Amino acid sequence: MCDQDGIGVDTSGADRAGAETVTLAARYASIAQDFRTEISLMGQASLNEMPVVSGAEDYCANIVGSLVHLQVHTGALGDNAQDGAGAARAADLQAGAGMGSSYAI
């Protein structure tokens, strides 16, 4: 993947993908909270059925834990993409600084 000039790394694409991934990670927090709310409502509706309530709470804890892990890993992936874009940009600039004009004879 090249940058706009056809040389180096497409850092804008990596920055954009990283930002989108970080945004996605933030959405996992709201999904987890919505899931907790729905499980709580289900538990309240089935209060007379104790096995359903305790099973729902265990299930909720497992799913929310998985969503939290997914959020952490997805956020790290997005941060790493953005960090990688910055490192590639710096490497391209450093490599290009020593080359002078590619048209020099």
N, C-alpha and C. Protein backbone atom coordinates (compact mmCIF):
# COMPACT_ATOMS: atom_id res chain seq x y z
N MET A 1 0.85 -1.16 0.00
CA MET A 1 0.00 0.00 0.00
C MET A 1 0.89 1.23 0.00
N CYS A 2 0.68 2.07 -0.98
CA CYS A 2 1.50 3.26 -1.13
C CYS A 2 0.72 4.50 -0.75
N ASP A 3 1.48 5.55 -0.49
CA ASP A 3 0.89 6.85 -0.23
C ASP A 3 0.42 7.45 -1.55
N GLN A 4 -0.08 8.66 -1.53
CA GLN A 4 -0.65 9.29 -2.72
C GLN A 4 0.36 9.41 -3.86
N ASP A 5 1.61 9.59 -3.56
CA ASP A 5 2.61 9.76 -4.61
C ASP A 5 3.11 8.42 -5.15
N GLY A 6 2.57 7.30 -4.64
CA GLY A 6 2.98 5.99 -5.12
C GLY A 6 4.22 5.45 -4.45
N ILE A 7 4.73 6.21 -3.50
CA ILE A 7 5.94 5.80 -2.80
C ILE A 7 5.64 5.79 -1.30
N GLY A 8 6.12 4.80 -0.61
CA GLY A 8 5.96 4.76 0.84
C GLY A 8 4.67 4.08 1.26
N VAL A 9 4.19 4.43 2.44
CA VAL A 9 3.04 3.78 3.08
C VAL A 9 1.84 4.71 3.02
N ASP A 10 0.65 4.14 2.81
CA ASP A 10 -0.59 4.92 2.83
C ASP A 10 -0.95 5.22 4.28
N THR A 11 -0.33 6.25 4.83
CA THR A 11 -0.53 6.56 6.25
C THR A 11 -1.92 7.12 6.52
N SER A 12 -2.50 7.83 5.55
CA SER A 12 -3.85 8.36 5.79
C SER A 12 -4.86 7.23 5.90
N GLY A 13 -4.68 6.18 5.10
CA GLY A 13 -5.57 5.02 5.20
C GLY A 13 -5.42 4.31 6.53
N ALA A 14 -4.20 4.18 7.00
CA ALA A 14 -3.96 3.54 8.30
C ALA A 14 -4.51 4.38 9.44
N ASP A 15 -4.34 5.71 9.34
CA ASP A 15 -4.91 6.60 10.36
C ASP A 15 -6.43 6.48 10.40
N ARG A 16 -7.04 6.49 9.22
CA ARG A 16 -8.50 6.41 9.12
C ARG A 16 -9.01 5.08 9.67
N ALA A 17 -8.37 3.98 9.27
CA ALA A 17 -8.78 2.66 9.75
C ALA A 17 -8.59 2.55 11.26
N GLY A 18 -7.50 3.11 11.77
CA GLY A 18 -7.27 3.09 13.22
C GLY A 18 -8.32 3.87 13.98
N ALA A 19 -8.68 5.05 13.45
CA ALA A 19 -9.71 5.86 14.11
C ALA A 19 -11.06 5.16 14.09
N GLU A 20 -11.39 4.53 12.97
CA GLU A 20 -12.66 3.79 12.88
C GLU A 20 -12.67 2.62 13.86
N THR A 21 -11.55 1.97 14.03
CA THR A 21 -11.46 0.83 14.94
C THR A 21 -11.60 1.29 16.39
N VAL A 22 -11.00 2.41 16.73
CA VAL A 22 -11.14 2.97 18.09
C VAL A 22 -12.61 3.32 18.35
N THR A 23 -13.27 3.89 17.35
CA THR A 23 -14.70 4.22 17.49
C THR A 23 -15.52 2.96 17.70
N LEU A 24 -15.20 1.91 16.95
CA LEU A 24 -15.89 0.64 17.11
C LEU A 24 -15.69 0.10 18.52
N ALA A 25 -14.49 0.21 19.03
CA ALA A 25 -14.21 -0.28 20.39
C ALA A 25 -15.08 0.44 21.41
N ALA A 26 -15.26 1.73 21.23
CA ALA A 26 -16.08 2.50 22.17
C ALA A 26 -17.53 2.02 22.13
N ARG A 27 -17.99 1.57 20.97
CA ARG A 27 -19.36 1.08 20.86
C ARG A 27 -19.59 -0.19 21.65
N TYR A 28 -18.54 -0.98 21.86
CA TYR A 28 -18.70 -2.21 22.65
C TYR A 28 -19.12 -1.90 24.08
N ALA A 29 -18.70 -0.76 24.61
CA ALA A 29 -19.10 -0.39 25.97
C ALA A 29 -20.61 -0.17 26.03
N SER A 30 -21.16 0.51 25.04
CA SER A 30 -22.61 0.74 25.05
C SER A 30 -23.37 -0.55 24.80
N ILE A 31 -22.83 -1.43 23.98
CA ILE A 31 -23.48 -2.73 23.75
C ILE A 31 -23.52 -3.52 25.06
N ALA A 32 -22.41 -3.51 25.79
CA ALA A 32 -22.36 -4.23 27.07
C ALA A 32 -23.39 -3.67 28.04
N GLN A 33 -23.50 -2.34 28.12
CA GLN A 33 -24.46 -1.72 29.03
C GLN A 33 -25.89 -2.04 28.59
N ASP A 34 -26.18 -1.97 27.30
CA ASP A 34 -27.51 -2.31 26.81
C ASP A 34 -27.85 -3.77 27.13
N PHE A 35 -26.87 -4.64 26.98
CA PHE A 35 -27.09 -6.07 27.27
C PHE A 35 -27.40 -6.27 28.75
N ARG A 36 -26.62 -5.59 29.62
CA ARG A 36 -26.89 -5.68 31.07
C ARG A 36 -28.32 -5.23 31.37
N THR A 37 -28.73 -4.12 30.77
CA THR A 37 -30.07 -3.59 31.01
C THR A 37 -31.14 -4.59 30.58
N GLU A 38 -30.99 -5.16 29.40
CA GLU A 38 -31.98 -6.11 28.90
C GLU A 38 -32.04 -7.37 29.77
N ILE A 39 -30.89 -7.86 30.19
CA ILE A 39 -30.87 -9.05 31.06
C ILE A 39 -31.51 -8.72 32.40
N SER A 40 -31.27 -7.53 32.91
CA SER A 40 -31.89 -7.11 34.17
C SER A 40 -33.41 -7.06 34.03
N LEU A 41 -33.88 -6.49 32.93
CA LEU A 41 -35.32 -6.43 32.69
C LEU A 41 -35.92 -7.83 32.57
N MET A 42 -35.21 -8.72 31.89
CA MET A 42 -35.67 -10.09 31.77
C MET A 42 -35.72 -10.76 33.15
N GLY A 43 -34.70 -10.51 33.96
CA GLY A 43 -34.67 -11.08 35.31
C GLY A 43 -35.82 -10.58 36.16
N GLN A 44 -36.13 -9.29 36.05
CA GLN A 44 -37.25 -8.72 36.81
C GLN A 44 -38.58 -9.31 36.35
N ALA A 45 -38.70 -9.52 35.05
CA ALA A 45 -39.94 -10.07 34.50
C ALA A 45 -40.14 -11.52 34.91
N SER A 46 -39.06 -12.23 35.18
CA SER A 46 -39.17 -13.64 35.54
C SER A 46 -38.77 -13.88 36.99
N LEU A 47 -39.06 -12.92 37.84
CA LEU A 47 -38.66 -12.99 39.25
C LEU A 47 -39.16 -14.24 39.95
N ASN A 48 -40.28 -14.76 39.55
CA ASN A 48 -40.84 -15.96 40.18
C ASN A 48 -40.11 -17.23 39.73
N GLU A 49 -39.31 -17.13 38.71
CA GLU A 49 -38.57 -18.28 38.17
C GLU A 49 -37.09 -18.13 38.52
N MET A 50 -36.71 -18.50 39.71
CA MET A 50 -35.34 -18.29 40.21
C MET A 50 -34.25 -18.88 39.32
N PRO A 51 -34.41 -20.09 38.76
CA PRO A 51 -33.35 -20.61 37.89
C PRO A 51 -33.11 -19.71 36.67
N VAL A 52 -34.17 -19.09 36.15
CA VAL A 52 -34.02 -18.19 35.00
C VAL A 52 -33.22 -16.96 35.43
N VAL A 53 -33.53 -16.42 36.58
CA VAL A 53 -32.86 -15.21 37.05
C VAL A 53 -31.37 -15.47 37.27
N SER A 54 -31.04 -16.52 37.99
CA SER A 54 -29.62 -16.78 38.28
C SER A 54 -28.87 -17.17 37.00
N GLY A 55 -29.51 -17.93 36.11
CA GLY A 55 -28.89 -18.29 34.85
C GLY A 55 -28.65 -17.08 33.97
N ALA A 56 -29.61 -16.16 33.98
CA ALA A 56 -29.49 -14.95 33.18
C ALA A 56 -28.34 -14.08 33.70
N GLU A 57 -28.20 -14.00 35.01
CA GLU A 57 -27.12 -13.19 35.59
C GLU A 57 -25.75 -13.78 35.25
N ASP A 58 -25.63 -15.10 35.32
CA ASP A 58 -24.37 -15.75 34.95
C ASP A 58 -24.05 -15.54 33.48
N TYR A 59 -25.07 -15.71 32.65
CA TYR A 59 -24.91 -15.53 31.21
C TYR A 59 -24.49 -14.09 30.91
N CYS A 60 -25.14 -13.15 31.56
CA CYS A 60 -24.82 -11.73 31.36
C CYS A 60 -23.37 -11.44 31.75
N ALA A 61 -22.94 -11.98 32.87
CA ALA A 61 -21.56 -11.74 33.31
C ALA A 61 -20.56 -12.28 32.29
N ASN A 62 -20.83 -13.45 31.73
CA ASN A 62 -19.94 -14.03 30.72
C ASN A 62 -19.89 -13.17 29.46
N ILE A 63 -21.05 -12.77 28.98
CA ILE A 63 -21.11 -11.98 27.75
C ILE A 63 -20.48 -10.61 27.95
N VAL A 64 -20.80 -9.96 29.04
CA VAL A 64 -20.24 -8.63 29.31
C VAL A 64 -18.72 -8.73 29.45
N GLY A 65 -18.23 -9.77 30.11
CA GLY A 65 -16.79 -9.96 30.22
C GLY A 65 -16.14 -10.12 28.86
N SER A 66 -16.78 -10.86 27.98
CA SER A 66 -16.26 -11.03 26.62
C SER A 66 -16.28 -9.72 25.85
N LEU A 67 -17.34 -8.95 26.01
CA LEU A 67 -17.42 -7.65 25.33
C LEU A 67 -16.36 -6.69 25.84
N VAL A 68 -16.07 -6.73 27.13
CA VAL A 68 -15.02 -5.87 27.69
C VAL A 68 -13.66 -6.26 27.10
N HIS A 69 -13.39 -7.55 27.03
CA HIS A 69 -12.12 -8.00 26.43
C HIS A 69 -12.04 -7.60 24.96
N LEU A 70 -13.15 -7.76 24.25
CA LEU A 70 -13.19 -7.37 22.85
C LEU A 70 -12.95 -5.86 22.70
N GLN A 71 -13.53 -5.08 23.60
CA GLN A 71 -13.33 -3.63 23.57
C GLN A 71 -11.86 -3.28 23.78
N VAL A 72 -11.22 -3.91 24.74
CA VAL A 72 -9.81 -3.64 25.02
C VAL A 72 -8.94 -3.99 23.82
N HIS A 73 -9.16 -5.17 23.26
CA HIS A 73 -8.34 -5.61 22.13
C HIS A 73 -8.60 -4.77 20.87
N THR A 74 -9.85 -4.43 20.64
CA THR A 74 -10.18 -3.61 19.47
C THR A 74 -9.60 -2.21 19.61
N GLY A 75 -9.68 -1.65 20.82
CA GLY A 75 -9.08 -0.34 21.06
C GLY A 75 -7.57 -0.37 20.85
N ALA A 76 -6.93 -1.43 21.32
CA ALA A 76 -5.48 -1.56 21.13
C ALA A 76 -5.13 -1.70 19.65
N LEU A 77 -5.95 -2.44 18.92
CA LEU A 77 -5.74 -2.60 17.48
C LEU A 77 -5.80 -1.24 16.78
N GLY A 78 -6.81 -0.45 17.11
CA GLY A 78 -6.93 0.88 16.52
C GLY A 78 -5.77 1.79 16.88
N ASP A 79 -5.39 1.76 18.15
CA ASP A 79 -4.24 2.57 18.59
C ASP A 79 -2.97 2.14 17.88
N ASN A 80 -2.78 0.84 17.73
CA ASN A 80 -1.59 0.32 17.05
C ASN A 80 -1.56 0.72 15.58
N ALA A 81 -2.73 0.71 14.93
CA ALA A 81 -2.79 1.13 13.52
C ALA A 81 -2.38 2.59 13.39
N GLN A 82 -2.87 3.43 14.30
CA GLN A 82 -2.52 4.85 14.26
C GLN A 82 -1.05 5.06 14.61
N ASP A 83 -0.54 4.33 15.59
CA ASP A 83 0.88 4.42 15.94
C ASP A 83 1.75 3.95 14.78
N GLY A 84 1.33 2.87 14.12
CA GLY A 84 2.07 2.36 12.97
C GLY A 84 2.09 3.36 11.83
N ALA A 85 0.96 4.04 11.62
CA ALA A 85 0.91 5.07 10.58
C ALA A 85 1.88 6.19 10.89
N GLY A 86 1.94 6.59 12.15
CA GLY A 86 2.87 7.65 12.55
C GLY A 86 4.32 7.21 12.37
N ALA A 87 4.62 5.97 12.73
CA ALA A 87 5.99 5.46 12.57
C ALA A 87 6.35 5.35 11.09
N ALA A 88 5.42 4.91 10.27
CA ALA A 88 5.67 4.80 8.83
C ALA A 88 5.87 6.18 8.21
N ARG A 89 5.06 7.14 8.65
CA ARG A 89 5.19 8.52 8.16
C ARG A 89 6.57 9.07 8.50
N ALA A 90 6.99 8.83 9.74
CA ALA A 90 8.32 9.30 10.17
C ALA A 90 9.43 8.62 9.38
N ALA A 91 9.28 7.31 9.15
CA ALA A 91 10.30 6.58 8.38
C ALA A 91 10.36 7.07 6.94
N ASP A 92 9.19 7.32 6.34
CA ASP A 92 9.16 7.84 4.97
C ASP A 92 9.84 9.21 4.89
N LEU A 93 9.53 10.06 5.86
CA LEU A 93 10.13 11.40 5.87
C LEU A 93 11.65 11.31 6.05
N GLN A 94 12.07 10.44 6.96
CA GLN A 94 13.50 10.29 7.22
C GLN A 94 14.21 9.73 5.98
N ALA A 95 13.62 8.73 5.35
CA ALA A 95 14.23 8.14 4.15
C ALA A 95 14.26 9.14 3.01
N GLY A 96 13.19 9.90 2.87
CA GLY A 96 13.11 10.87 1.80
C GLY A 96 14.03 12.05 1.99
N ALA A 97 14.34 12.41 3.23
CA ALA A 97 15.18 13.56 3.51
C ALA A 97 16.60 13.34 3.02
N GLY A 98 17.08 12.14 3.06
CA GLY A 98 18.44 11.86 2.64
C GLY A 98 18.60 11.61 1.15
N MET A 99 17.48 11.53 0.44
CA MET A 99 17.57 11.18 -0.96
C MET A 99 17.73 12.39 -1.90
N GLY A 100 17.32 13.55 -1.45
CA GLY A 100 17.37 14.70 -2.35
C GLY A 100 16.34 14.50 -3.45
N SER A 101 16.59 15.05 -4.59
CA SER A 101 15.68 14.90 -5.72
C SER A 101 15.91 13.57 -6.42
N SER A 102 14.86 12.90 -6.76
CA SER A 102 15.01 11.64 -7.49
C SER A 102 15.39 11.89 -8.95
N TYR A 103 15.34 13.16 -9.36
CA TYR A 103 15.68 13.52 -10.73
C TYR A 103 17.11 14.04 -10.86
N ALA A 104 17.85 14.05 -9.75
CA ALA A 104 19.23 14.56 -9.79
C ALA A 104 20.09 13.63 -10.63
N ILE A 105 21.02 14.22 -11.34
CA ILE A 105 21.90 13.43 -12.22
C ILE A 105 23.28 13.39 -11.64
